[in-house]
């Protein structure tokens, strides 16, 4: 059974659109904007013979990768946080003896959108 671990929520790019206000004689353009947020998760698909030692190693990898991502994100304004997380997690996992088989660890993102405002 896959387990999702939330990693970060990062502000995404603002979006803009122009709608026309048709309440008067002439339609007037109205600029609307909204913000997006990118949510990042680590999805762990554990092997069938998973024990507590595996989950302890995953927790240690998460802590190390999160610390690296915080430092990298602070220094670069957030742009390097997620790539640093993935890189540090992979490096730490190999030192812990976790076999990184296909689809065992997946990086998942989800984007949420705010309401359109004037």
PDB file of N, CA and C in Angstrom:
ATOM      1  N   UNK A   1       0.844  -1.176   0.000  1.00  0.00           N
ATOM      2  CA  UNK A   1       0.000   0.000   0.000  1.00  0.00           C
ATOM      3  C   UNK A   1       0.893   1.243   0.000  1.00  0.00           C
ATOM      4  N   UNK A   2       0.747   2.120  -1.003  1.00  0.00           N
ATOM      5  CA  UNK A   2       1.594   3.325  -1.067  1.00  0.00           C
ATOM      6  C   UNK A   2       1.300   4.295   0.080  1.00  0.00           C
ATOM      7  N   UNK A   3       2.343   4.960   0.530  1.00  0.00           N
ATOM      8  CA  UNK A   3       2.226   5.970   1.579  1.00  0.00           C
ATOM      9  C   UNK A   3       2.748   7.294   1.039  1.00  0.00           C
ATOM     10  N   UNK A   4       1.968   8.365   1.232  1.00  0.00           N
ATOM     11  CA  UNK A   4       2.366   9.699   0.786  1.00  0.00           C
ATOM     12  C   UNK A   4       2.907  10.498   1.961  1.00  0.00           C
ATOM     13  N   UNK A   5       4.084  11.082   1.754  1.00  0.00           N
ATOM     14  CA  UNK A   5       4.680  11.974   2.745  1.00  0.00           C
ATOM     15  C   UNK A   5       4.726  13.372   2.151  1.00  0.00           C
ATOM     16  N   UNK A   6       4.024  14.354   2.753  1.00  0.00           N
ATOM     17  CA  UNK A   6       4.110  15.723   2.227  1.00  0.00           C
ATOM     18  C   UNK A   6       5.513  16.287   2.435  1.00  0.00           C
ATOM     19  N   UNK A   7       6.050  16.900   1.385  1.00  0.00           N
ATOM     20  CA  UNK A   7       7.392  17.467   1.450  1.00  0.00           C
ATOM     21  C   UNK A   7       7.326  18.975   1.597  1.00  0.00           C
ATOM     22  N   UNK A   8       6.598  19.619   0.693  1.00  0.00           N
ATOM     23  CA  UNK A   8       6.583  21.085   0.697  1.00  0.00           C
ATOM     24  C   UNK A   8       5.371  21.596  -0.055  1.00  0.00           C
ATOM     25  N   UNK A   9       5.013  22.826   0.238  1.00  0.00           N
ATOM     26  CA  UNK A   9       4.024  23.576  -0.534  1.00  0.00           C
ATOM     27  C   UNK A   9       4.706  24.863  -0.969  1.00  0.00           C
ATOM     28  N   UNK A  10       4.880  25.013  -2.268  1.00  0.00           N
ATOM     29  CA  UNK A  10       5.591  26.159  -2.814  1.00  0.00           C
ATOM     30  C   UNK A  10       4.648  27.042  -3.605  1.00  0.00           C
ATOM     31  N   UNK A  11       4.767  28.364  -3.439  1.00  0.00           N
ATOM     32  CA  UNK A  11       3.937  29.238  -4.261  1.00  0.00           C
ATOM     33  C   UNK A  11       4.326  29.090  -5.729  1.00  0.00           C
ATOM     34  N   UNK A  12       3.328  28.902  -6.558  1.00  0.00           N
ATOM     35  CA  UNK A  12       3.577  28.770  -7.990  1.00  0.00           C
ATOM     36  C   UNK A  12       3.495  30.120  -8.685  1.00  0.00           C
ATOM     37  N   UNK A  13       3.432  30.066  -9.982  1.00  0.00           N
ATOM     38  CA  UNK A  13       3.348  31.295 -10.766  1.00  0.00           C
ATOM     39  C   UNK A  13       1.940  31.865 -10.701  1.00  0.00           C
ATOM     40  N   UNK A  14       1.812  33.173 -10.586  1.00  0.00           N
ATOM     41  CA  UNK A  14       0.474  33.769 -10.646  1.00  0.00           C
ATOM     42  C   UNK A  14      -0.081  33.658 -12.062  1.00  0.00           C
ATOM     43  N   UNK A  15      -1.376  33.550 -12.154  1.00  0.00           N
ATOM     44  CA  UNK A  15      -2.041  33.488 -13.452  1.00  0.00           C
ATOM     45  C   UNK A  15      -2.890  34.731 -13.638  1.00  0.00           C
ATOM     46  N   UNK A  16      -3.077  35.117 -14.883  1.00  0.00           N
ATOM     47  CA  UNK A  16      -3.889  36.294 -15.188  1.00  0.00           C
ATOM     48  C   UNK A  16      -4.757  35.994 -16.396  1.00  0.00           C
ATOM     49  N   UNK A  17      -5.910  36.643 -16.435  1.00  0.00           N
ATOM     50  CA  UNK A  17      -6.797  36.553 -17.592  1.00  0.00           C
ATOM     51  C   UNK A  17      -7.579  37.855 -17.703  1.00  0.00           C
ATOM     52  N   UNK A  18      -8.095  38.104 -18.885  1.00  0.00           N
ATOM     53  CA  UNK A  18      -8.898  39.305 -19.118  1.00  0.00           C
ATOM     54  C   UNK A  18     -10.302  38.862 -19.484  1.00  0.00           C
ATOM     55  N   UNK A  19     -11.270  39.339 -18.721  1.00  0.00           N
ATOM     56  CA  UNK A  19     -12.689  39.132 -19.016  1.00  0.00           C
ATOM     57  C   UNK A  19     -13.292  40.479 -19.380  1.00  0.00           C
ATOM     58  N   UNK A  20     -14.389  40.446 -20.085  1.00  0.00           N
ATOM     59  CA  UNK A  20     -15.052  41.685 -20.452  1.00  0.00           C
ATOM     60  C   UNK A  20     -16.305  41.866 -19.617  1.00  0.00           C
ATOM     61  N   UNK A  21     -16.424  43.060 -19.026  1.00  0.00           N
ATOM     62  CA  UNK A  21     -17.577  43.433 -18.226  1.00  0.00           C
ATOM     63  C   UNK A  21     -18.624  43.986 -19.174  1.00  0.00           C
ATOM     64  N   UNK A  22     -19.717  43.267 -19.352  1.00  0.00           N
ATOM     65  CA  UNK A  22     -20.750  43.656 -20.315  1.00  0.00           C
ATOM     66  C   UNK A  22     -21.924  44.377 -19.673  1.00  0.00           C
ATOM     67  N   UNK A  23     -21.735  45.041 -18.559  1.00  0.00           N
ATOM     68  CA  UNK A  23     -22.849  45.685 -17.875  1.00  0.00           C
ATOM     69  C   UNK A  23     -23.127  47.088 -18.383  1.00  0.00           C
ATOM     70  N   UNK A  24     -22.208  47.652 -19.137  1.00  0.00           N
ATOM     71  CA  UNK A  24     -22.422  49.000 -19.668  1.00  0.00           C
ATOM     72  C   UNK A  24     -22.717  48.944 -21.164  1.00  0.00           C
ATOM     73  N   UNK A  25     -22.669  50.099 -21.777  1.00  0.00           N
ATOM     74  CA  UNK A  25     -22.903  50.177 -23.219  1.00  0.00           C
ATOM     75  C   UNK A  25     -21.746  49.524 -23.969  1.00  0.00           C
ATOM     76  N   UNK A  26     -20.529  49.842 -23.538  1.00  0.00           N
ATOM     77  CA  UNK A  26     -19.337  49.234 -24.136  1.00  0.00           C
ATOM     78  C   UNK A  26     -18.743  48.209 -23.170  1.00  0.00           C
ATOM     79  N   UNK A  27     -18.405  47.034 -23.673  1.00  0.00           N
ATOM     80  CA  UNK A  27     -17.747  46.071 -22.783  1.00  0.00           C
ATOM     81  C   UNK A  27     -16.352  46.557 -22.398  1.00  0.00           C
ATOM     82  N   UNK A  28     -16.065  46.535 -21.105  1.00  0.00           N
ATOM     83  CA  UNK A  28     -14.769  46.983 -20.599  1.00  0.00           C
ATOM     84  C   UNK A  28     -13.933  45.773 -20.166  1.00  0.00           C
ATOM     85  N   UNK A  29     -12.648  45.775 -20.518  1.00  0.00           N
ATOM     86  CA  UNK A  29     -11.796  44.664 -20.071  1.00  0.00           C
ATOM     87  C   UNK A  29     -11.514  44.764 -18.569  1.00  0.00           C
ATOM     88  N   UNK A  30     -11.559  43.611 -17.916  1.00  0.00           N
ATOM     89  CA  UNK A  30     -11.285  43.524 -16.480  1.00  0.00           C
ATOM     90  C   UNK A  30     -10.191  42.466 -16.292  1.00  0.00           C
ATOM     91  N   UNK A  31      -9.072  42.868 -15.676  1.00  0.00           N
ATOM     92  CA  UNK A  31      -7.971  41.956 -15.410  1.00  0.00           C
ATOM     93  C   UNK A  31      -8.254  41.183 -14.133  1.00  0.00           C
ATOM     94  N   UNK A  32      -8.150  39.863 -14.203  1.00  0.00           N
ATOM     95  CA  UNK A  32      -8.325  39.008 -13.036  1.00  0.00           C
ATOM     96  C   UNK A  32      -7.047  38.203 -12.832  1.00  0.00           C
ATOM     97  N   UNK A  33      -6.698  37.983 -11.574  1.00  0.00           N
ATOM     98  CA  UNK A  33      -5.503  37.203 -11.249  1.00  0.00           C
ATOM     99  C   UNK A  33      -5.846  36.148 -10.208  1.00  0.00           C
ATOM    100  N   UNK A  34      -5.023  35.125 -10.158  1.00  0.00           N
ATOM    101  CA  UNK A  34      -5.129  34.109  -9.099  1.00  0.00           C
ATOM    102  C   UNK A  34      -3.747  33.512  -8.862  1.00  0.00           C
ATOM    103  N   UNK A  35      -3.572  32.965  -7.684  1.00  0.00           N
ATOM    104  CA  UNK A  35      -2.302  32.341  -7.314  1.00  0.00           C
ATOM    105  C   UNK A  35      -2.425  30.825  -7.374  1.00  0.00           C
ATOM    106  N   UNK A  36      -1.324  30.180  -7.644  1.00  0.00           N
ATOM    107  CA  UNK A  36      -1.274  28.723  -7.626  1.00  0.00           C
ATOM    108  C   UNK A  36      -0.303  28.276  -6.536  1.00  0.00           C
ATOM    109  N   UNK A  37      -0.493  27.063  -6.073  1.00  0.00           N
ATOM    110  CA  UNK A  37       0.409  26.464  -5.092  1.00  0.00           C
ATOM    111  C   UNK A  37       0.754  25.062  -5.557  1.00  0.00           C
ATOM    112  N   UNK A  38       2.033  24.744  -5.547  1.00  0.00           N
ATOM    113  CA  UNK A  38       2.497  23.413  -5.919  1.00  0.00           C
ATOM    114  C   UNK A  38       2.795  22.643  -4.638  1.00  0.00           C
ATOM    115  N   UNK A  39       2.118  21.518  -4.469  1.00  0.00           N
ATOM    116  CA  UNK A  39       2.326  20.652  -3.309  1.00  0.00           C
ATOM    117  C   UNK A  39       3.153  19.458  -3.765  1.00  0.00           C
ATOM    118  N   UNK A  40       4.229  19.172  -3.051  1.00  0.00           N
ATOM    119  CA  UNK A  40       5.122  18.063  -3.402  1.00  0.00           C
ATOM    120  C   UNK A  40       5.013  16.960  -2.356  1.00  0.00           C
ATOM    121  N   UNK A  41       4.978  15.729  -2.829  1.00  0.00           N
ATOM    122  CA  UNK A  41       4.865  14.570  -1.957  1.00  0.00           C
ATOM    123  C   UNK A  41       5.898  13.524  -2.364  1.00  0.00           C
ATOM    124  N   UNK A  42       6.331  12.735  -1.399  1.00  0.00           N
ATOM    125  CA  UNK A  42       7.122  11.558  -1.677  1.00  0.00           C
ATOM    126  C   UNK A  42       6.196  10.368  -1.490  1.00  0.00           C
ATOM    127  N   UNK A  43       6.018   9.576  -2.533  1.00  0.00           N
ATOM    128  CA  UNK A  43       5.168   8.383  -2.486  1.00  0.00           C
ATOM    129  C   UNK A  43       6.075   7.171  -2.318  1.00  0.00           C
ATOM    130  N   UNK A  44       5.862   6.433  -1.236  1.00  0.00           N
ATOM    131  CA  UNK A  44       6.669   5.246  -0.952  1.00  0.00           C
ATOM    132  C   UNK A  44       5.808   4.008  -1.192  1.00  0.00           C
ATOM    133  N   UNK A  45       6.268   3.163  -2.091  1.00  0.00           N
ATOM    134  CA  UNK A  45       5.638   1.870  -2.352  1.00  0.00           C
ATOM    135  C   UNK A  45       6.546   0.805  -1.743  1.00  0.00           C
ATOM    136  N   UNK A  46       6.306   0.432  -0.486  1.00  0.00           N
ATOM    137  CA  UNK A  46       7.240  -0.468   0.191  1.00  0.00           C
ATOM    138  C   UNK A  46       7.184  -1.882  -0.383  1.00  0.00           C
ATOM    139  N   UNK A  47       8.304  -2.594  -0.303  1.00  0.00           N
ATOM    140  CA  UNK A  47       8.297  -3.995  -0.740  1.00  0.00           C
ATOM    141  C   UNK A  47       7.439  -4.843   0.200  1.00  0.00           C
ATOM    142  N   UNK A  48       7.142  -6.047  -0.226  1.00  0.00           N
ATOM    143  CA  UNK A  48       6.254  -6.919   0.548  1.00  0.00           C
ATOM    144  C   UNK A  48       6.831  -7.279   1.917  1.00  0.00           C
ATOM    145  N   UNK A  49       8.136  -7.415   2.015  1.00  0.00           N
ATOM    146  CA  UNK A  49       8.764  -7.822   3.277  1.00  0.00           C
ATOM    147  C   UNK A  49       9.275  -6.619   4.076  1.00  0.00           C
ATOM    148  N   UNK A  50       8.493  -5.545   4.132  1.00  0.00           N
ATOM    149  CA  UNK A  50       8.894  -4.326   4.825  1.00  0.00           C
ATOM    150  C   UNK A  50       8.856  -4.529   6.344  1.00  0.00           C
ATOM    151  N   UNK A  51       9.899  -4.058   7.004  1.00  0.00           N
ATOM    152  CA  UNK A  51       9.926  -4.097   8.459  1.00  0.00           C
ATOM    153  C   UNK A  51      10.171  -2.696   8.998  1.00  0.00           C
ATOM    154  N   UNK A  52      10.283  -2.585  10.300  1.00  0.00           N
ATOM    155  CA  UNK A  52      10.477  -1.278  10.945  1.00  0.00           C
ATOM    156  C   UNK A  52      11.816  -0.654  10.563  1.00  0.00           C
ATOM    157  N   UNK A  53      12.812  -1.475  10.279  1.00  0.00           N
ATOM    158  CA  UNK A  53      14.117  -0.966   9.878  1.00  0.00           C
ATOM    159  C   UNK A  53      14.025  -0.173   8.569  1.00  0.00           C
ATOM    160  N   UNK A  54      13.203  -0.642   7.657  1.00  0.00           N
ATOM    161  CA  UNK A  54      12.989   0.069   6.384  1.00  0.00           C
ATOM    162  C   UNK A  54      12.384   1.450   6.637  1.00  0.00           C
ATOM    163  N   UNK A  55      11.333   1.501   7.462  1.00  0.00           N
ATOM    164  CA  UNK A  55      10.665   2.782   7.728  1.00  0.00           C
ATOM    165  C   UNK A  55      11.565   3.743   8.501  1.00  0.00           C
ATOM    166  N   UNK A  56      12.414   3.213   9.391  1.00  0.00           N
ATOM    167  CA  UNK A  56      13.364   4.070  10.105  1.00  0.00           C
ATOM    168  C   UNK A  56      14.365   4.685   9.127  1.00  0.00           C
ATOM    169  N   UNK A  57      14.825   3.893   8.171  1.00  0.00           N
ATOM    170  CA  UNK A  57      15.743   4.411   7.146  1.00  0.00           C
ATOM    171  C   UNK A  57      15.054   5.464   6.282  1.00  0.00           C
ATOM    172  N   UNK A  58      13.796   5.242   5.930  1.00  0.00           N
ATOM    173  CA  UNK A  58      13.039   6.236   5.142  1.00  0.00           C
ATOM    174  C   UNK A  58      12.904   7.531   5.928  1.00  0.00           C
ATOM    175  N   UNK A  59      12.597   7.432   7.219  1.00  0.00           N
ATOM    176  CA  UNK A  59      12.476   8.637   8.052  1.00  0.00           C
ATOM    177  C   UNK A  59      13.795   9.415   8.100  1.00  0.00           C
ATOM    178  N   UNK A  60      14.908   8.715   8.263  1.00  0.00           N
ATOM    179  CA  UNK A  60      16.211   9.387   8.297  1.00  0.00           C
ATOM    180  C   UNK A  60      16.518  10.051   6.959  1.00  0.00           C
ATOM    181  N   UNK A  61      16.164   9.395   5.877  1.00  0.00           N
ATOM    182  CA  UNK A  61      16.368   9.989   4.541  1.00  0.00           C
ATOM    183  C   UNK A  61      15.512  11.238   4.373  1.00  0.00           C
ATOM    184  N   UNK A  62      14.272  11.178   4.860  1.00  0.00           N
ATOM    185  CA  UNK A  62      13.377  12.338   4.769  1.00  0.00           C
ATOM    186  C   UNK A  62      13.925  13.528   5.548  1.00  0.00           C
ATOM    187  N   UNK A  63      14.445  13.271   6.733  1.00  0.00           N
ATOM    188  CA  UNK A  63      14.986  14.358   7.559  1.00  0.00           C
ATOM    189  C   UNK A  63      16.195  14.994   6.880  1.00  0.00           C
ATOM    190  N   UNK A  64      17.118  14.168   6.404  1.00  0.00           N
ATOM    191  CA  UNK A  64      18.325  14.701   5.750  1.00  0.00           C
ATOM    192  C   UNK A  64      17.972  15.456   4.470  1.00  0.00           C
ATOM    193  N   UNK A  65      17.084  14.885   3.673  1.00  0.00           N
ATOM    194  CA  UNK A  65      16.705  15.531   2.415  1.00  0.00           C
ATOM    195  C   UNK A  65      15.939  16.826   2.662  1.00  0.00           C
ATOM    196  N   UNK A  66      15.099  16.846   3.678  1.00  0.00           N
ATOM    197  CA  UNK A  66      14.361  18.071   4.006  1.00  0.00           C
ATOM    198  C   UNK A  66      15.302  19.177   4.474  1.00  0.00           C
ATOM    199  N   UNK A  67      16.290  18.821   5.284  1.00  0.00           N
ATOM    200  CA  UNK A  67      17.262  19.821   5.740  1.00  0.00           C
ATOM    201  C   UNK A  67      18.039  20.394   4.562  1.00  0.00           C
ATOM    202  N   UNK A  68      18.470  19.536   3.655  1.00  0.00           N
ATOM    203  CA  UNK A  68      19.174  20.011   2.465  1.00  0.00           C
ATOM    204  C   UNK A  68      18.304  20.896   1.598  1.00  0.00           C
ATOM    205  N   UNK A  69      17.038  20.534   1.455  1.00  0.00           N
ATOM    206  CA  UNK A  69      16.114  21.324   0.641  1.00  0.00           C
ATOM    207  C   UNK A  69      15.843  22.691   1.269  1.00  0.00           C
ATOM    208  N   UNK A  70      15.756  22.736   2.589  1.00  0.00           N
ATOM    209  CA  UNK A  70      15.533  24.018   3.267  1.00  0.00           C
ATOM    210  C   UNK A  70      16.717  24.953   3.037  1.00  0.00           C
ATOM    211  N   UNK A  71      17.919  24.423   3.179  1.00  0.00           N
ATOM    212  CA  UNK A  71      19.116  25.247   2.976  1.00  0.00           C
ATOM    213  C   UNK A  71      19.202  25.715   1.531  1.00  0.00           C
ATOM    214  N   UNK A  72      19.030  24.780   0.591  1.00  0.00           N
ATOM    215  CA  UNK A  72      19.116  25.147  -0.829  1.00  0.00           C
ATOM    216  C   UNK A  72      18.004  26.107  -1.216  1.00  0.00           C
ATOM    217  N   UNK A  73      16.809  25.887  -0.701  1.00  0.00           N
ATOM    218  CA  UNK A  73      15.691  26.773  -1.013  1.00  0.00           C
ATOM    219  C   UNK A  73      15.864  28.162  -0.455  1.00  0.00           C
ATOM    220  N   UNK A  74      16.453  28.264   0.728  1.00  0.00           N
ATOM    221  CA  UNK A  74      16.689  29.570   1.338  1.00  0.00           C
ATOM    222  C   UNK A  74      17.732  30.359   0.557  1.00  0.00           C
ATOM    223  N   UNK A  75      18.766  29.662   0.103  1.00  0.00           N
ATOM    224  CA  UNK A  75      19.840  30.357  -0.607  1.00  0.00           C
ATOM    225  C   UNK A  75      19.449  30.765  -2.024  1.00  0.00           C
ATOM    226  N   UNK A  76      18.528  30.027  -2.648  1.00  0.00           N
ATOM    227  CA  UNK A  76      18.180  30.303  -4.044  1.00  0.00           C
ATOM    228  C   UNK A  76      16.783  30.866  -4.221  1.00  0.00           C
ATOM    229  N   UNK A  77      16.109  31.169  -3.150  1.00  0.00           N
ATOM    230  CA  UNK A  77      14.755  31.687  -3.269  1.00  0.00           C
ATOM    231  C   UNK A  77      13.732  30.614  -3.579  1.00  0.00           C
ATOM    232  N   UNK A  78      14.040  29.362  -3.303  1.00  0.00           N
ATOM    233  CA  UNK A  78      13.091  28.274  -3.469  1.00  0.00           C
ATOM    234  C   UNK A  78      13.274  27.437  -4.717  1.00  0.00           C
ATOM    235  N   UNK A  79      13.978  27.959  -5.702  1.00  0.00           N
ATOM    236  CA  UNK A  79      14.055  27.264  -6.989  1.00  0.00           C
ATOM    237  C   UNK A  79      14.792  25.933  -6.911  1.00  0.00           C
ATOM    238  N   UNK A  80      15.757  25.789  -6.020  1.00  0.00           N
ATOM    239  CA  UNK A  80      16.564  24.566  -5.948  1.00  0.00           C
ATOM    240  C   UNK A  80      16.107  23.611  -4.849  1.00  0.00           C
ATOM    241  N   UNK A  81      15.032  23.918  -4.169  1.00  0.00           N
ATOM    242  CA  UNK A  81      14.618  23.096  -3.033  1.00  0.00           C
ATOM    243  C   UNK A  81      14.219  21.680  -3.445  1.00  0.00           C
ATOM    244  N   UNK A  82      13.335  21.546  -4.415  1.00  0.00           N
ATOM    245  CA  UNK A  82      12.855  20.212  -4.773  1.00  0.00           C
ATOM    246  C   UNK A  82      13.923  19.352  -5.448  1.00  0.00           C
ATOM    247  N   UNK A  83      14.711  19.890  -6.399  1.00  0.00           N
ATOM    248  CA  UNK A  83      15.775  19.050  -6.951  1.00  0.00           C
ATOM    249  C   UNK A  83      16.791  18.618  -5.893  1.00  0.00           C
ATOM    250  N   UNK A  84      17.081  19.490  -4.944  1.00  0.00           N
ATOM    251  CA  UNK A  84      18.012  19.130  -3.872  1.00  0.00           C
ATOM    252  C   UNK A  84      17.424  18.023  -3.005  1.00  0.00           C
ATOM    253  N   UNK A  85      16.137  18.109  -2.705  1.00  0.00           N
ATOM    254  CA  UNK A  85      15.480  17.068  -1.908  1.00  0.00           C
ATOM    255  C   UNK A  85      15.639  15.707  -2.581  1.00  0.00           C
ATOM    256  N   UNK A  86      15.339  15.646  -3.876  1.00  0.00           N
ATOM    257  CA  UNK A  86      15.413  14.375  -4.599  1.00  0.00           C
ATOM    258  C   UNK A  86      16.841  13.832  -4.598  1.00  0.00           C
ATOM    259  N   UNK A  87      17.799  14.699  -4.830  1.00  0.00           N
ATOM    260  CA  UNK A  87      19.209  14.281  -4.896  1.00  0.00           C
ATOM    261  C   UNK A  87      19.703  13.778  -3.528  1.00  0.00           C
ATOM    262  N   UNK A  88      19.428  14.530  -2.469  1.00  0.00           N
ATOM    263  CA  UNK A  88      19.897  14.135  -1.132  1.00  0.00           C
ATOM    264  C   UNK A  88      19.174  12.872  -0.667  1.00  0.00           C
ATOM    265  N   UNK A  89      17.885  12.768  -0.940  1.00  0.00           N
ATOM    266  CA  UNK A  89      17.147  11.569  -0.541  1.00  0.00           C
ATOM    267  C   UNK A  89      17.746  10.333  -1.197  1.00  0.00           C
ATOM    268  N   UNK A  90      18.026  10.404  -2.494  1.00  0.00           N
ATOM    269  CA  UNK A  90      18.609   9.267  -3.203  1.00  0.00           C
ATOM    270  C   UNK A  90      19.978   8.888  -2.664  1.00  0.00           C
ATOM    271  N   UNK A  91      20.804   9.899  -2.401  1.00  0.00           N
ATOM    272  CA  UNK A  91      22.147   9.623  -1.879  1.00  0.00           C
ATOM    273  C   UNK A  91      22.081   9.008  -0.484  1.00  0.00           C
ATOM    274  N   UNK A  92      21.218   9.542   0.359  1.00  0.00           N
ATOM    275  CA  UNK A  92      21.093   9.022   1.725  1.00  0.00           C
ATOM    276  C   UNK A  92      20.507   7.616   1.721  1.00  0.00           C
ATOM    277  N   UNK A  93      19.565   7.357   0.826  1.00  0.00           N
ATOM    278  CA  UNK A  93      18.933   6.039   0.757  1.00  0.00           C
ATOM    279  C   UNK A  93      19.947   4.960   0.379  1.00  0.00           C
ATOM    280  N   UNK A  94      20.849   5.288  -0.535  1.00  0.00           N
ATOM    281  CA  UNK A  94      21.862   4.291  -0.914  1.00  0.00           C
ATOM    282  C   UNK A  94      22.834   4.016   0.227  1.00  0.00           C
ATOM    283  N   UNK A  95      23.134   5.028   1.040  1.00  0.00           N
ATOM    284  CA  UNK A  95      24.027   4.787   2.184  1.00  0.00           C
ATOM    285  C   UNK A  95      23.332   3.982   3.279  1.00  0.00           C
ATOM    286  N   UNK A  96      22.001   4.044   3.314  1.00  0.00           N
ATOM    287  CA  UNK A  96      21.234   3.291   4.301  1.00  0.00           C
ATOM    288  C   UNK A  96      20.948   1.863   3.843  1.00  0.00           C
ATOM    289  N   UNK A  97      21.345   1.539   2.626  1.00  0.00           N
ATOM    290  CA  UNK A  97      21.122   0.193   2.117  1.00  0.00           C
ATOM    291  C   UNK A  97      19.744  -0.024   1.531  1.00  0.00           C
ATOM    292  N   UNK A  98      19.006   1.032   1.295  1.00  0.00           N
ATOM    293  CA  UNK A  98      17.696   0.893   0.668  1.00  0.00           C
ATOM    294  C   UNK A  98      17.911   0.701  -0.824  1.00  0.00           C
ATOM    295  N   UNK A  99      17.374  -0.372  -1.350  1.00  0.00           N
ATOM    296  CA  UNK A  99      17.487  -0.609  -2.783  1.00  0.00           C
ATOM    297  C   UNK A  99      16.442   0.233  -3.496  1.00  0.00           C
ATOM    298  N   UNK A 100      16.910   1.151  -4.329  1.00  0.00           N
ATOM    299  CA  UNK A 100      15.999   2.038  -5.044  1.00  0.00           C
ATOM    300  C   UNK A 100      15.538   1.343  -6.326  1.00  0.00           C
ATOM    301  N   UNK A 101      14.548   0.484  -6.185  1.00  0.00           N
ATOM    302  CA  UNK A 101      14.006  -0.220  -7.343  1.00  0.00           C
ATOM    303  C   UNK A 101      12.954   0.658  -8.010  1.00  0.00           C
ATOM    304  N   UNK A 102      12.624   0.312  -9.239  1.00  0.00           N
ATOM    305  CA  UNK A 102      11.666   1.119 -10.011  1.00  0.00           C
ATOM    306  C   UNK A 102      10.331   1.233  -9.270  1.00  0.00           C
ATOM    307  N   UNK A 103       9.821   2.424  -9.215  1.00  0.00           N
ATOM    308  CA  UNK A 103       8.515   2.760  -8.631  1.00  0.00           C
ATOM    309  C   UNK A 103       8.421   2.558  -7.117  1.00  0.00           C
ATOM    310  N   UNK A 104       9.543   2.290  -6.453  1.00  0.00           N
ATOM    311  CA  UNK A 104       9.487   2.161  -5.000  1.00  0.00           C
ATOM    312  C   UNK A 104       9.337   3.534  -4.347  1.00  0.00           C
ATOM    313  N   UNK A 105      10.050   4.533  -4.897  1.00  0.00           N
ATOM    314  CA  UNK A 105       9.930   5.906  -4.431  1.00  0.00           C
ATOM    315  C   UNK A 105       9.555   6.773  -5.627  1.00  0.00           C
ATOM    316  N   UNK A 106       8.488   7.524  -5.482  1.00  0.00           N
ATOM    317  CA  UNK A 106       8.049   8.405  -6.557  1.00  0.00           C
ATOM    318  C   UNK A 106       7.879   9.810  -6.005  1.00  0.00           C
ATOM    319  N   UNK A 107       8.225  10.769  -6.832  1.00  0.00           N
ATOM    320  CA  UNK A 107       8.049  12.171  -6.489  1.00  0.00           C
ATOM    321  C   UNK A 107       6.754  12.632  -7.156  1.00  0.00           C
ATOM    322  N   UNK A 108       5.772  13.070  -6.364  1.00  0.00           N
ATOM    323  CA  UNK A 108       4.453  13.426  -6.876  1.00  0.00           C
ATOM    324  C   UNK A 108       4.189  14.897  -6.572  1.00  0.00           C
ATOM    325  N   UNK A 109       3.670  15.616  -7.563  1.00  0.00           N
ATOM    326  CA  UNK A 109       3.281  17.014  -7.339  1.00  0.00           C
ATOM    327  C   UNK A 109       1.808  17.190  -7.675  1.00  0.00           C
ATOM    328  N   UNK A 110       1.212  18.138  -6.997  1.00  0.00           N
ATOM    329  CA  UNK A 110      -0.187  18.490  -7.235  1.00  0.00           C
ATOM    330  C   UNK A 110      -0.292  20.008  -7.179  1.00  0.00           C
ATOM    331  N   UNK A 111      -1.004  20.584  -8.123  1.00  0.00           N
ATOM    332  CA  UNK A 111      -1.162  22.039  -8.165  1.00  0.00           C
ATOM    333  C   UNK A 111      -2.582  22.400  -7.769  1.00  0.00           C
ATOM    334  N   UNK A 112      -2.708  23.345  -6.833  1.00  0.00           N
ATOM    335  CA  UNK A 112      -4.020  23.869  -6.470  1.00  0.00           C
ATOM    336  C   UNK A 112      -4.108  25.321  -6.932  1.00  0.00           C
ATOM    337  N   UNK A 113      -5.304  25.727  -7.269  1.00  0.00           N
ATOM    338  CA  UNK A 113      -5.528  27.052  -7.828  1.00  0.00           C
ATOM    339  C   UNK A 113      -6.441  27.850  -6.904  1.00  0.00           C
ATOM    340  N   UNK A 114      -6.091  29.112  -6.696  1.00  0.00           N
ATOM    341  CA  UNK A 114      -6.914  30.020  -5.911  1.00  0.00           C
ATOM    342  C   UNK A 114      -8.076  30.545  -6.737  1.00  0.00           C
ATOM    343  N   UNK A 115      -8.912  31.332  -6.127  1.00  0.00           N
ATOM    344  CA  UNK A 115     -10.049  31.930  -6.822  1.00  0.00           C
ATOM    345  C   UNK A 115      -9.598  33.117  -7.662  1.00  0.00           C
ATOM    346  N   UNK A 116     -10.309  33.324  -8.760  1.00  0.00           N
ATOM    347  CA  UNK A 116     -10.027  34.505  -9.590  1.00  0.00           C
ATOM    348  C   UNK A 116     -10.489  35.745  -8.859  1.00  0.00           C
ATOM    349  N   UNK A 117      -9.616  36.728  -8.761  1.00  0.00           N
ATOM    350  CA  UNK A 117      -9.949  37.997  -8.109  1.00  0.00           C
ATOM    351  C   UNK A 117      -9.704  39.147  -9.054  1.00  0.00           C
ATOM    352  N   UNK A 118     -10.291  40.275  -8.721  1.00  0.00           N
ATOM    353  CA  UNK A 118     -10.121  41.475  -9.548  1.00  0.00           C
ATOM    354  C   UNK A 118      -9.022  42.312  -8.981  1.00  0.00           C
TER     355      UNK A 118
END
